[in-house]
Amino acid sequence: MSNKEILNIYRPLVHFLSDVLGAETEVVLFDISENQVIEISNGHLSGRKIGSGPTPFLERIKADDDSSKDYMSNYKGAVDGKEFISSTWLIRNEGELIGTLCINRNITAAKALQRDLEKFLAGANMIPAASSEETVEEFDDSITVMVKEKIQAAMDDVGINPQHMTVKEKKRVVMILKRQGVTRMKGAVAEIAVRLDISIPTVYRYMSEMTALFQ
């Protein structure tokens, strides 16, 4: 099947999902080759329409596509003061990324309701105050705790949730940890693999690529 034939299959799905998920959900079908939106429902939520170009997030997906990924789910989005929870299905033709089907749920009203509820509960003294005396025991040994802290610091430095990191961004985390000597610590490689949602061999491959690069 051609790319266009595959994308055309998704056109009615845009409106089906919109009807099922409701008026506060925008559904967008994007054609990578045409670099524009080709089908959309509830576009008023973001101000987009057929013919609109890619978002910066989509540009990043196109530039750093990881062919092992089929989708990304439940990440944050925002436009014109509105807050969204978004998910994207990556449409492929024999491994090549040809389009995306994006679902953007407007949670602005829900977040406002949450803030009002928290304000009410706090005003009624119904939220327990956090105690500065509270003690939390860590059951990991000190080296394990240090490894986890180093990994978290490296991910914070990249500034993206691992679930939404590109291969390039995951390699950057590994590079930071390798330079700090963290990858030589007991259990570190396995922990890095878990936190970045990749396999242990993949961590070693990233490290080998970096070693070769700097030789």
C-alpha atoms as a PDB file:
ATOM      1  CA  MET A   1       0.000   0.000   0.000  1.00  0.00           C
ATOM      2  CA  SER A   2       1.125   3.547  -0.655  1.00  0.00           C
ATOM      3  CA  ASN A   3       1.652   6.028   2.181  1.00  0.00           C
ATOM      4  CA  LYS A   4      -1.450   7.936   1.142  1.00  0.00           C
ATOM      5  CA  GLU A   5      -3.592   4.782   1.123  1.00  0.00           C
ATOM      6  CA  ILE A   6      -2.444   3.915   4.631  1.00  0.00           C
ATOM      7  CA  LEU A   7      -3.124   7.428   5.942  1.00  0.00           C
ATOM      8  CA  ASN A   8      -6.580   7.467   4.338  1.00  0.00           C
ATOM      9  CA  ILE A   9      -7.510   4.459   6.503  1.00  0.00           C
ATOM     10  CA  TYR A  10      -7.067   6.685   9.560  1.00  0.00           C
ATOM     11  CA  ARG A  11      -9.291   9.543   8.335  1.00  0.00           C
ATOM     12  CA  PRO A  12     -12.629   8.119   9.610  1.00  0.00           C
ATOM     13  CA  LEU A  13     -10.898   7.056  12.823  1.00  0.00           C
ATOM     14  CA  VAL A  14     -10.240  10.745  13.593  1.00  0.00           C
ATOM     15  CA  HIS A  15     -13.967  11.466  13.781  1.00  0.00           C
ATOM     16  CA  PHE A  16     -14.833   8.170  15.494  1.00  0.00           C
ATOM     17  CA  LEU A  17     -12.380   8.888  18.316  1.00  0.00           C
ATOM     18  CA  SER A  18     -13.609  12.461  18.586  1.00  0.00           C
ATOM     19  CA  ASP A  19     -17.218  11.303  18.966  1.00  0.00           C
ATOM     20  CA  VAL A  20     -16.251   8.684  21.553  1.00  0.00           C
ATOM     21  CA  LEU A  21     -13.943  10.913  23.615  1.00  0.00           C
ATOM     22  CA  GLY A  22     -16.095  14.046  23.502  1.00  0.00           C
ATOM     23  CA  ALA A  23     -16.008  17.711  22.613  1.00  0.00           C
ATOM     24  CA  GLU A  24     -12.982  18.497  24.783  1.00  0.00           C
ATOM     25  CA  THR A  25     -10.731  16.111  22.834  1.00  0.00           C
ATOM     26  CA  GLU A  26      -8.930  17.148  19.678  1.00  0.00           C
ATOM     27  CA  VAL A  27      -7.922  14.383  17.254  1.00  0.00           C
ATOM     28  CA  VAL A  28      -5.358  15.189  14.561  1.00  0.00           C
ATOM     29  CA  LEU A  29      -4.037  13.197  11.585  1.00  0.00           C
ATOM     30  CA  PHE A  30      -0.694  14.510  10.298  1.00  0.00           C
ATOM     31  CA  ASP A  31       0.974  13.596   6.986  1.00  0.00           C
ATOM     32  CA  ILE A  32       4.781  13.620   7.326  1.00  0.00           C
ATOM     33  CA  SER A  33       5.481  13.850   3.572  1.00  0.00           C
ATOM     34  CA  GLU A  34       3.096  16.777   3.091  1.00  0.00           C
ATOM     35  CA  ASN A  35       4.229  18.237   6.433  1.00  0.00           C
ATOM     36  CA  GLN A  36       0.697  19.257   7.367  1.00  0.00           C
ATOM     37  CA  VAL A  37      -2.528  18.272   9.105  1.00  0.00           C
ATOM     38  CA  ILE A  38      -4.751  16.316   6.689  1.00  0.00           C
ATOM     39  CA  GLU A  39      -7.693  15.535   9.011  1.00  0.00           C
ATOM     40  CA  ILE A  40      -8.789  17.057  12.309  1.00  0.00           C
ATOM     41  CA  SER A  41     -11.729  17.123  14.699  1.00  0.00           C
ATOM     42  CA  ASN A  42     -12.327  19.751  17.403  1.00  0.00           C
ATOM     43  CA  GLY A  43      -9.460  21.803  16.031  1.00  0.00           C
ATOM     44  CA  HIS A  44     -10.846  24.889  17.783  1.00  0.00           C
ATOM     45  CA  LEU A  45      -9.246  23.592  20.986  1.00  0.00           C
ATOM     46  CA  SER A  46      -5.745  24.320  19.659  1.00  0.00           C
ATOM     47  CA  GLY A  47      -6.614  26.663  16.814  1.00  0.00           C
ATOM     48  CA  ARG A  48      -5.346  24.215  14.194  1.00  0.00           C
ATOM     49  CA  LYS A  49      -7.041  23.174  10.968  1.00  0.00           C
ATOM     50  CA  ILE A  50      -6.393  21.126   7.821  1.00  0.00           C
ATOM     51  CA  GLY A  51      -3.184  22.474   6.297  1.00  0.00           C
ATOM     52  CA  SER A  52      -1.638  23.515   9.632  1.00  0.00           C
ATOM     53  CA  GLY A  53       2.044  22.738   9.996  1.00  0.00           C
ATOM     54  CA  PRO A  54       3.873  20.609  12.586  1.00  0.00           C
ATOM     55  CA  THR A  55       4.332  21.508  16.246  1.00  0.00           C
ATOM     56  CA  PRO A  56       7.900  21.729  17.656  1.00  0.00           C
ATOM     57  CA  PHE A  57       7.241  18.419  19.439  1.00  0.00           C
ATOM     58  CA  LEU A  58       6.389  16.722  16.149  1.00  0.00           C
ATOM     59  CA  GLU A  59       9.472  18.228  14.507  1.00  0.00           C
ATOM     60  CA  ARG A  60      11.555  16.585  17.230  1.00  0.00           C
ATOM     61  CA  ILE A  61       9.845  13.230  16.652  1.00  0.00           C
ATOM     62  CA  LYS A  62      10.614  13.484  12.923  1.00  0.00           C
ATOM     63  CA  ALA A  63      14.250  14.393  13.527  1.00  0.00           C
ATOM     64  CA  ASP A  64      14.952  11.687  16.114  1.00  0.00           C
ATOM     65  CA  ASP A  65      12.543   8.915  15.173  1.00  0.00           C
ATOM     66  CA  ASP A  66      13.029   5.686  17.119  1.00  0.00           C
ATOM     67  CA  SER A  67      11.653   2.928  14.886  1.00  0.00           C
ATOM     68  CA  SER A  68      11.142   0.656  17.895  1.00  0.00           C
ATOM     69  CA  LYS A  69       8.406   2.946  19.236  1.00  0.00           C
ATOM     70  CA  ASP A  70       4.782   2.636  18.157  1.00  0.00           C
ATOM     71  CA  TYR A  71       3.330   5.421  20.284  1.00  0.00           C
ATOM     72  CA  MET A  72       3.844   7.971  23.068  1.00  0.00           C
ATOM     73  CA  SER A  73       1.138   8.410  25.664  1.00  0.00           C
ATOM     74  CA  ASN A  74      -0.095  10.787  28.353  1.00  0.00           C
ATOM     75  CA  TYR A  75       2.425  13.620  28.031  1.00  0.00           C
ATOM     76  CA  LYS A  76       1.654  17.264  28.722  1.00  0.00           C
ATOM     77  CA  GLY A  77       0.667  19.791  26.076  1.00  0.00           C
ATOM     78  CA  ALA A  78      -0.300  23.466  26.192  1.00  0.00           C
ATOM     79  CA  VAL A  79      -1.555  26.236  23.915  1.00  0.00           C
ATOM     80  CA  ASP A  80      -3.083  29.659  24.613  1.00  0.00           C
ATOM     81  CA  GLY A  81      -3.328  28.985  28.350  1.00  0.00           C
ATOM     82  CA  LYS A  82      -5.040  25.628  27.863  1.00  0.00           C
ATOM     83  CA  GLU A  83      -3.617  22.437  29.370  1.00  0.00           C
ATOM     84  CA  PHE A  84      -3.741  19.106  27.564  1.00  0.00           C
ATOM     85  CA  ILE A  85      -2.885  15.475  28.134  1.00  0.00           C
ATOM     86  CA  SER A  86      -1.706  14.178  24.778  1.00  0.00           C
ATOM     87  CA  SER A  87      -0.931  10.847  23.134  1.00  0.00           C
ATOM     88  CA  THR A  88       0.499  10.137  19.675  1.00  0.00           C
ATOM     89  CA  TRP A  89       0.312   6.999  17.532  1.00  0.00           C
ATOM     90  CA  LEU A  90       3.188   6.739  15.051  1.00  0.00           C
ATOM     91  CA  ILE A  91       1.969   5.573  11.636  1.00  0.00           C
ATOM     92  CA  ARG A  92       4.539   3.604   9.637  1.00  0.00           C
ATOM     93  CA  ASN A  93       4.866   1.990   6.240  1.00  0.00           C
ATOM     94  CA  GLU A  94       7.452  -0.807   6.367  1.00  0.00           C
ATOM     95  CA  GLY A  95       9.204   0.931   9.260  1.00  0.00           C
ATOM     96  CA  GLU A  96       9.218   4.421   7.744  1.00  0.00           C
ATOM     97  CA  LEU A  97       7.391   7.102   9.741  1.00  0.00           C
ATOM     98  CA  ILE A  98       4.715   8.486   7.407  1.00  0.00           C
ATOM     99  CA  GLY A  99       2.258  10.138   9.771  1.00  0.00           C
ATOM    100  CA  THR A 100       0.901  10.575  13.264  1.00  0.00           C
ATOM    101  CA  LEU A 101      -2.499  10.276  14.896  1.00  0.00           C
ATOM    102  CA  CYS A 102      -2.613  12.608  17.897  1.00  0.00           C
ATOM    103  CA  ILE A 103      -5.208  12.733  20.674  1.00  0.00           C
ATOM    104  CA  ASN A 104      -5.190  15.898  22.789  1.00  0.00           C
ATOM    105  CA  ARG A 105      -7.522  15.997  25.791  1.00  0.00           C
ATOM    106  CA  ASN A 106      -8.283  19.458  27.148  1.00  0.00           C
ATOM    107  CA  ILE A 107      -7.937  19.223  30.946  1.00  0.00           C
ATOM    108  CA  THR A 108      -8.014  22.974  31.645  1.00  0.00           C
ATOM    109  CA  ALA A 109     -11.411  22.867  33.393  1.00  0.00           C
ATOM    110  CA  ALA A 110     -10.476  19.710  35.314  1.00  0.00           C
ATOM    111  CA  LYS A 111      -7.236  21.303  36.549  1.00  0.00           C
ATOM    112  CA  ALA A 112      -9.110  24.435  37.626  1.00  0.00           C
ATOM    113  CA  LEU A 113     -11.607  22.255  39.509  1.00  0.00           C
ATOM    114  CA  GLN A 114      -8.733  20.391  41.154  1.00  0.00           C
ATOM    115  CA  ARG A 115      -7.151  23.671  42.306  1.00  0.00           C
ATOM    116  CA  ASP A 116     -10.487  24.928  43.668  1.00  0.00           C
ATOM    117  CA  LEU A 117     -11.025  21.643  45.536  1.00  0.00           C
ATOM    118  CA  GLU A 118      -7.520  21.768  47.035  1.00  0.00           C
ATOM    119  CA  LYS A 119      -8.114  25.380  48.081  1.00  0.00           C
ATOM    120  CA  PHE A 120     -11.422  24.417  49.728  1.00  0.00           C
ATOM    121  CA  LEU A 121      -9.880  21.449  51.562  1.00  0.00           C
ATOM    122  CA  ALA A 122      -6.962  23.547  52.762  1.00  0.00           C
ATOM    123  CA  GLY A 123      -9.327  26.290  53.950  1.00  0.00           C
ATOM    124  CA  ALA A 124     -11.381  23.743  55.858  1.00  0.00           C
ATOM    125  CA  ASN A 125      -8.199  22.328  57.421  1.00  0.00           C
ATOM    126  CA  MET A 126      -8.886  18.967  55.790  1.00  0.00           C
ATOM    127  CA  ILE A 127      -5.409  18.458  54.316  1.00  0.00           C
ATOM    128  CA  PRO A 128      -2.845  17.124  56.815  1.00  0.00           C
ATOM    129  CA  ALA A 129       0.178  19.372  57.198  1.00  0.00           C
ATOM    130  CA  ALA A 130       3.484  17.798  56.207  1.00  0.00           C
ATOM    131  CA  SER A 131       5.648  17.252  59.239  1.00  0.00           C
ATOM    132  CA  SER A 132       9.240  18.445  59.106  1.00  0.00           C
ATOM    133  CA  GLU A 133       9.972  15.768  61.732  1.00  0.00           C
ATOM    134  CA  GLU A 134       8.833  12.949  59.448  1.00  0.00           C
ATOM    135  CA  THR A 135      11.407  10.210  59.076  1.00  0.00           C
ATOM    136  CA  VAL A 136      11.666   8.067  55.962  1.00  0.00           C
ATOM    137  CA  GLU A 137      13.906   5.025  56.002  1.00  0.00           C
ATOM    138  CA  GLU A 138      15.623   4.064  52.759  1.00  0.00           C
ATOM    139  CA  PHE A 139      16.066   0.309  52.483  1.00  0.00           C
ATOM    140  CA  ASP A 140      18.596   0.532  49.634  1.00  0.00           C
ATOM    141  CA  ASP A 141      22.272   0.505  50.555  1.00  0.00           C
ATOM    142  CA  SER A 142      24.181   3.785  50.294  1.00  0.00           C
ATOM    143  CA  ILE A 143      25.794   2.945  46.933  1.00  0.00           C
ATOM    144  CA  THR A 144      22.425   2.057  45.390  1.00  0.00           C
ATOM    145  CA  VAL A 145      20.916   5.281  46.692  1.00  0.00           C
ATOM    146  CA  MET A 146      23.819   7.271  45.248  1.00  0.00           C
ATOM    147  CA  VAL A 147      23.467   5.552  41.860  1.00  0.00           C
ATOM    148  CA  LYS A 148      19.750   6.333  41.745  1.00  0.00           C
ATOM    149  CA  GLU A 149      20.391   9.957  42.712  1.00  0.00           C
ATOM    150  CA  LYS A 150      23.030  10.319  39.981  1.00  0.00           C
ATOM    151  CA  ILE A 151      20.713   8.816  37.363  1.00  0.00           C
ATOM    152  CA  GLN A 152      17.869  11.118  38.416  1.00  0.00           C
ATOM    153  CA  ALA A 153      20.197  14.138  38.271  1.00  0.00           C
ATOM    154  CA  ALA A 154      21.308  13.189  34.732  1.00  0.00           C
ATOM    155  CA  MET A 155      17.685  12.821  33.594  1.00  0.00           C
ATOM    156  CA  ASP A 156      16.823  16.151  35.209  1.00  0.00           C
ATOM    157  CA  ASP A 157      19.700  17.699  33.272  1.00  0.00           C
ATOM    158  CA  VAL A 158      18.170  16.474  29.991  1.00  0.00           C
ATOM    159  CA  GLY A 159      14.814  17.763  31.251  1.00  0.00           C
ATOM    160  CA  ILE A 160      12.498  15.259  29.553  1.00  0.00           C
ATOM    161  CA  ASN A 161      10.486  12.367  30.955  1.00  0.00           C
ATOM    162  CA  PRO A 162      12.253   9.127  29.877  1.00  0.00           C
ATOM    163  CA  GLN A 163       8.997   7.896  28.335  1.00  0.00           C
ATOM    164  CA  HIS A 164       9.216  10.730  25.812  1.00  0.00           C
ATOM    165  CA  MET A 165      13.000  10.845  25.293  1.00  0.00           C
ATOM    166  CA  THR A 166      14.417  10.264  21.843  1.00  0.00           C
ATOM    167  CA  VAL A 167      17.340   7.887  21.315  1.00  0.00           C
ATOM    168  CA  LYS A 168      19.640  10.914  21.168  1.00  0.00           C
ATOM    169  CA  GLU A 169      18.404  12.166  24.548  1.00  0.00           C
ATOM    170  CA  LYS A 170      18.784   8.737  26.169  1.00  0.00           C
ATOM    171  CA  LYS A 171      22.333   8.558  24.832  1.00  0.00           C
ATOM    172  CA  ARG A 172      23.002  11.944  26.417  1.00  0.00           C
ATOM    173  CA  VAL A 173      21.891  10.619  29.819  1.00  0.00           C
ATOM    174  CA  VAL A 174      24.196   7.617  29.441  1.00  0.00           C
ATOM    175  CA  MET A 175      27.059   9.889  28.348  1.00  0.00           C
ATOM    176  CA  ILE A 176      26.636  12.075  31.448  1.00  0.00           C
ATOM    177  CA  LEU A 177      26.655   9.018  33.722  1.00  0.00           C
ATOM    178  CA  LYS A 178      29.624   7.432  31.936  1.00  0.00           C
ATOM    179  CA  ARG A 179      31.662  10.624  32.297  1.00  0.00           C
ATOM    180  CA  GLN A 180      30.834  10.712  36.006  1.00  0.00           C
ATOM    181  CA  GLY A 181      31.984   7.111  36.413  1.00  0.00           C
ATOM    182  CA  VAL A 182      28.514   6.005  37.499  1.00  0.00           C
ATOM    183  CA  THR A 183      28.375   3.202  34.909  1.00  0.00           C
ATOM    184  CA  ARG A 184      31.255   1.461  36.714  1.00  0.00           C
ATOM    185  CA  MET A 185      29.303   1.228  39.975  1.00  0.00           C
ATOM    186  CA  LYS A 186      27.658  -2.026  41.005  1.00  0.00           C
ATOM    187  CA  GLY A 187      24.175  -2.400  39.563  1.00  0.00           C
ATOM    188  CA  ALA A 188      24.321   0.958  37.772  1.00  0.00           C
ATOM    189  CA  VAL A 189      23.887  -0.303  34.205  1.00  0.00           C
ATOM    190  CA  ALA A 190      20.824  -2.360  35.154  1.00  0.00           C
ATOM    191  CA  GLU A 191      19.300   0.624  36.972  1.00  0.00           C
ATOM    192  CA  ILE A 192      19.998   2.928  34.004  1.00  0.00           C
ATOM    193  CA  ALA A 193      18.252   0.439  31.713  1.00  0.00           C
ATOM    194  CA  VAL A 194      15.174   0.362  33.951  1.00  0.00           C
ATOM    195  CA  ARG A 195      14.982   4.149  34.325  1.00  0.00           C
ATOM    196  CA  LEU A 196      15.415   4.824  30.590  1.00  0.00           C
ATOM    197  CA  ASP A 197      13.128   1.933  29.569  1.00  0.00           C
ATOM    198  CA  ILE A 198      15.799   0.279  27.437  1.00  0.00           C
ATOM    199  CA  SER A 199      17.635  -3.037  27.645  1.00  0.00           C
ATOM    200  CA  ILE A 200      20.954  -3.581  29.415  1.00  0.00           C
ATOM    201  CA  PRO A 201      22.672  -4.466  26.084  1.00  0.00           C
ATOM    202  CA  THR A 202      21.393  -1.146  24.698  1.00  0.00           C
ATOM    203  CA  VAL A 203      23.071   0.743  27.565  1.00  0.00           C
ATOM    204  CA  TYR A 204      26.361  -1.029  26.801  1.00  0.00           C
ATOM    205  CA  ARG A 205      25.922  -0.270  23.090  1.00  0.00           C
ATOM    206  CA  TYR A 206      25.457   3.440  23.819  1.00  0.00           C
ATOM    207  CA  MET A 207      28.586   3.357  25.969  1.00  0.00           C
ATOM    208  CA  SER A 208      30.599   1.588  23.243  1.00  0.00           C
ATOM    209  CA  GLU A 209      29.448   4.124  20.646  1.00  0.00           C
ATOM    210  CA  MET A 210      30.644   6.938  22.906  1.00  0.00           C
ATOM    211  CA  THR A 211      33.988   5.224  23.518  1.00  0.00           C
ATOM    212  CA  ALA A 212      34.523   4.803  19.769  1.00  0.00           C
ATOM    213  CA  LEU A 213      33.504   8.401  19.150  1.00  0.00           C
ATOM    214  CA  PHE A 214      36.101   9.827  21.522  1.00  0.00           C
ATOM    215  CA  GLN A 215      38.985   7.539  20.546  1.00  0.00           C
END
